C-alpha atoms as a PDB file:
ATOM      1  CA  UNK A   1     -13.414 -23.200  -3.675  1.00  0.00           C
ATOM      2  CA  UNK A   2     -14.473 -24.915  -6.881  1.00  0.00           C
ATOM      3  CA  UNK A   3     -12.930 -22.863  -9.670  1.00  0.00           C
ATOM      4  CA  UNK A   4      -9.670 -21.295 -10.685  1.00  0.00           C
ATOM      5  CA  UNK A   5     -11.047 -17.850 -11.621  1.00  0.00           C
ATOM      6  CA  UNK A   6     -10.794 -15.108  -8.998  1.00  0.00           C
ATOM      7  CA  UNK A   7     -12.560 -11.781  -8.617  1.00  0.00           C
ATOM      8  CA  UNK A   8     -10.059  -9.110  -7.541  1.00  0.00           C
ATOM      9  CA  UNK A   9     -11.611  -5.969  -6.098  1.00  0.00           C
ATOM     10  CA  UNK A  10     -10.465  -2.627  -4.715  1.00  0.00           C
ATOM     11  CA  UNK A  11      -7.810  -2.213  -7.398  1.00  0.00           C
ATOM     12  CA  UNK A  12      -6.045   1.104  -7.772  1.00  0.00           C
ATOM     13  CA  UNK A  13      -6.904   2.557 -11.187  1.00  0.00           C
ATOM     14  CA  UNK A  14      -3.198   2.585 -12.116  1.00  0.00           C
ATOM     15  CA  UNK A  15      -2.952  -1.223 -11.872  1.00  0.00           C
ATOM     16  CA  UNK A  16      -2.128  -2.840 -15.205  1.00  0.00           C
ATOM     17  CA  UNK A  17      -2.758  -6.329 -16.524  1.00  0.00           C
ATOM     18  CA  UNK A  18       0.989  -6.945 -16.440  1.00  0.00           C
ATOM     19  CA  UNK A  19       1.404  -5.854 -12.796  1.00  0.00           C
ATOM     20  CA  UNK A  20      -1.561  -7.968 -11.664  1.00  0.00           C
ATOM     21  CA  UNK A  21      -0.255 -10.984 -13.590  1.00  0.00           C
ATOM     22  CA  UNK A  22       3.167 -10.547 -11.998  1.00  0.00           C
ATOM     23  CA  UNK A  23       1.638 -10.374  -8.503  1.00  0.00           C
ATOM     24  CA  UNK A  24      -0.441 -13.537  -8.958  1.00  0.00           C
ATOM     25  CA  UNK A  25       2.310 -15.475 -10.743  1.00  0.00           C
ATOM     26  CA  UNK A  26       4.048 -15.801  -7.369  1.00  0.00           C
ATOM     27  CA  UNK A  27       1.354 -18.378  -6.510  1.00  0.00           C
ATOM     28  CA  UNK A  28       1.178 -20.367  -9.748  1.00  0.00           C
ATOM     29  CA  UNK A  29       0.675 -20.063 -13.477  1.00  0.00           C
ATOM     30  CA  UNK A  30      -1.694 -17.281 -14.525  1.00  0.00           C
ATOM     31  CA  UNK A  31      -3.909 -18.206 -17.487  1.00  0.00           C
ATOM     32  CA  UNK A  32      -5.716 -14.914 -17.994  1.00  0.00           C
ATOM     33  CA  UNK A  33      -6.064 -11.437 -16.473  1.00  0.00           C
ATOM     34  CA  UNK A  34      -8.876  -9.017 -17.188  1.00  0.00           C
ATOM     35  CA  UNK A  35      -9.268  -5.574 -15.605  1.00  0.00           C
ATOM     36  CA  UNK A  36     -12.548  -3.696 -15.945  1.00  0.00           C
ATOM     37  CA  UNK A  37     -11.345  -0.170 -16.706  1.00  0.00           C
ATOM     38  CA  UNK A  38     -12.680   2.600 -14.512  1.00  0.00           C
ATOM     39  CA  UNK A  39     -14.378   0.179 -12.120  1.00  0.00           C
ATOM     40  CA  UNK A  40     -11.563  -0.843  -9.769  1.00  0.00           C
ATOM     41  CA  UNK A  41     -11.930  -4.589 -10.171  1.00  0.00           C
ATOM     42  CA  UNK A  42     -10.873  -7.422 -12.425  1.00  0.00           C
ATOM     43  CA  UNK A  43     -10.470 -11.159 -12.777  1.00  0.00           C
ATOM     44  CA  UNK A  44      -7.470 -13.459 -12.615  1.00  0.00           C
ATOM     45  CA  UNK A  45      -7.640 -17.038 -13.824  1.00  0.00           C
ATOM     46  CA  UNK A  46      -5.057 -19.461 -12.496  1.00  0.00           C
ATOM     47  CA  UNK A  47      -4.157 -22.834 -14.042  1.00  0.00           C
ATOM     48  CA  UNK A  48      -5.534 -24.892 -11.152  1.00  0.00           C
ATOM     49  CA  UNK A  49      -7.978 -24.533  -8.308  1.00  0.00           C
ATOM     50  CA  UNK A  50      -5.169 -25.162  -5.820  1.00  0.00           C
ATOM     51  CA  UNK A  51      -3.136 -22.246  -7.210  1.00  0.00           C
ATOM     52  CA  UNK A  52      -6.199 -20.000  -7.046  1.00  0.00           C
ATOM     53  CA  UNK A  53      -6.811 -20.965  -3.413  1.00  0.00           C
ATOM     54  CA  UNK A  54      -3.165 -20.290  -2.568  1.00  0.00           C
ATOM     55  CA  UNK A  55      -3.287 -16.851  -4.219  1.00  0.00           C
ATOM     56  CA  UNK A  56      -6.574 -15.943  -2.545  1.00  0.00           C
ATOM     57  CA  UNK A  57      -5.329 -16.953   0.901  1.00  0.00           C
ATOM     58  CA  UNK A  58      -2.058 -15.049   0.494  1.00  0.00           C
ATOM     59  CA  UNK A  59      -3.344 -11.899  -1.206  1.00  0.00           C
ATOM     60  CA  UNK A  60      -6.844 -11.240   0.183  1.00  0.00           C
ATOM     61  CA  UNK A  61      -6.566  -8.102   2.326  1.00  0.00           C
ATOM     62  CA  UNK A  62      -2.952  -7.483   1.315  1.00  0.00           C
ATOM     63  CA  UNK A  63      -1.773  -4.045   0.201  1.00  0.00           C
ATOM     64  CA  UNK A  64      -1.184  -3.602  -3.536  1.00  0.00           C
ATOM     65  CA  UNK A  65      -0.318  -0.127  -4.773  1.00  0.00           C
ATOM     66  CA  UNK A  66      -1.790   1.437  -1.641  1.00  0.00           C
ATOM     67  CA  UNK A  67      -5.098  -0.459  -1.561  1.00  0.00           C
ATOM     68  CA  UNK A  68      -6.223  -3.575   0.320  1.00  0.00           C
ATOM     69  CA  UNK A  69      -7.167  -6.247  -2.225  1.00  0.00           C
ATOM     70  CA  UNK A  70     -10.512  -8.025  -1.923  1.00  0.00           C
ATOM     71  CA  UNK A  71     -10.332 -11.459  -3.500  1.00  0.00           C
ATOM     72  CA  UNK A  72     -13.124 -14.004  -3.909  1.00  0.00           C
ATOM     73  CA  UNK A  73     -13.877 -16.885  -6.201  1.00  0.00           C
ATOM     74  CA  UNK A  74     -15.549 -15.485  -9.319  1.00  0.00           C
ATOM     75  CA  UNK A  75     -19.168 -16.574  -9.661  1.00  0.00           C
ATOM     76  CA  UNK A  76     -20.686 -17.220 -13.099  1.00  0.00           C
ATOM     77  CA  UNK A  77     -23.758 -15.276 -14.214  1.00  0.00           C
ATOM     78  CA  UNK A  78     -25.745 -15.216 -17.444  1.00  0.00           C
ATOM     79  CA  UNK A  79     -23.584 -12.432 -18.861  1.00  0.00           C
ATOM     80  CA  UNK A  80     -20.200 -13.693 -17.677  1.00  0.00           C
ATOM     81  CA  UNK A  81     -18.603 -13.614 -14.227  1.00  0.00           C
ATOM     82  CA  UNK A  82     -19.182 -11.460 -11.191  1.00  0.00           C
ATOM     83  CA  UNK A  83     -17.505 -11.007  -7.842  1.00  0.00           C
ATOM     84  CA  UNK A  84     -18.990 -13.038  -5.016  1.00  0.00           C
ATOM     85  CA  UNK A  85     -21.996 -11.145  -3.720  1.00  0.00           C
ATOM     86  CA  UNK A  86     -21.484  -8.134  -5.993  1.00  0.00           C
ATOM     87  CA  UNK A  87     -22.494  -6.702  -9.372  1.00  0.00           C
ATOM     88  CA  UNK A  88     -25.756  -8.592  -9.922  1.00  0.00           C
END
C-alpha cells in the first residue's frame, strides 16, 4: 500500500461520519472522513500509511452495522479518488 487514504465500501446508509471516524480511530489518527450519501461508500484518510494498512487489515470484511465492510486503498483519478477497481 502506498497511500493513507482508504476506500470503504458496502456501508449501511445509516452510517455517519462520526461513527466511521470512531471505528477507524481504533487503528490510528483519522485525518478526514467523507461519505458519499446514497451510494453506500466513502473514504477515510489516516495520518500515516502504516495506520491505513493496520485499519484495512483489521476491518476489511468485518461487520459494521450489519454489513461486511470492503476496504481498499483509494486510487486517484482525474476527478478525485475512486475505490480500487470501481467507479471509473
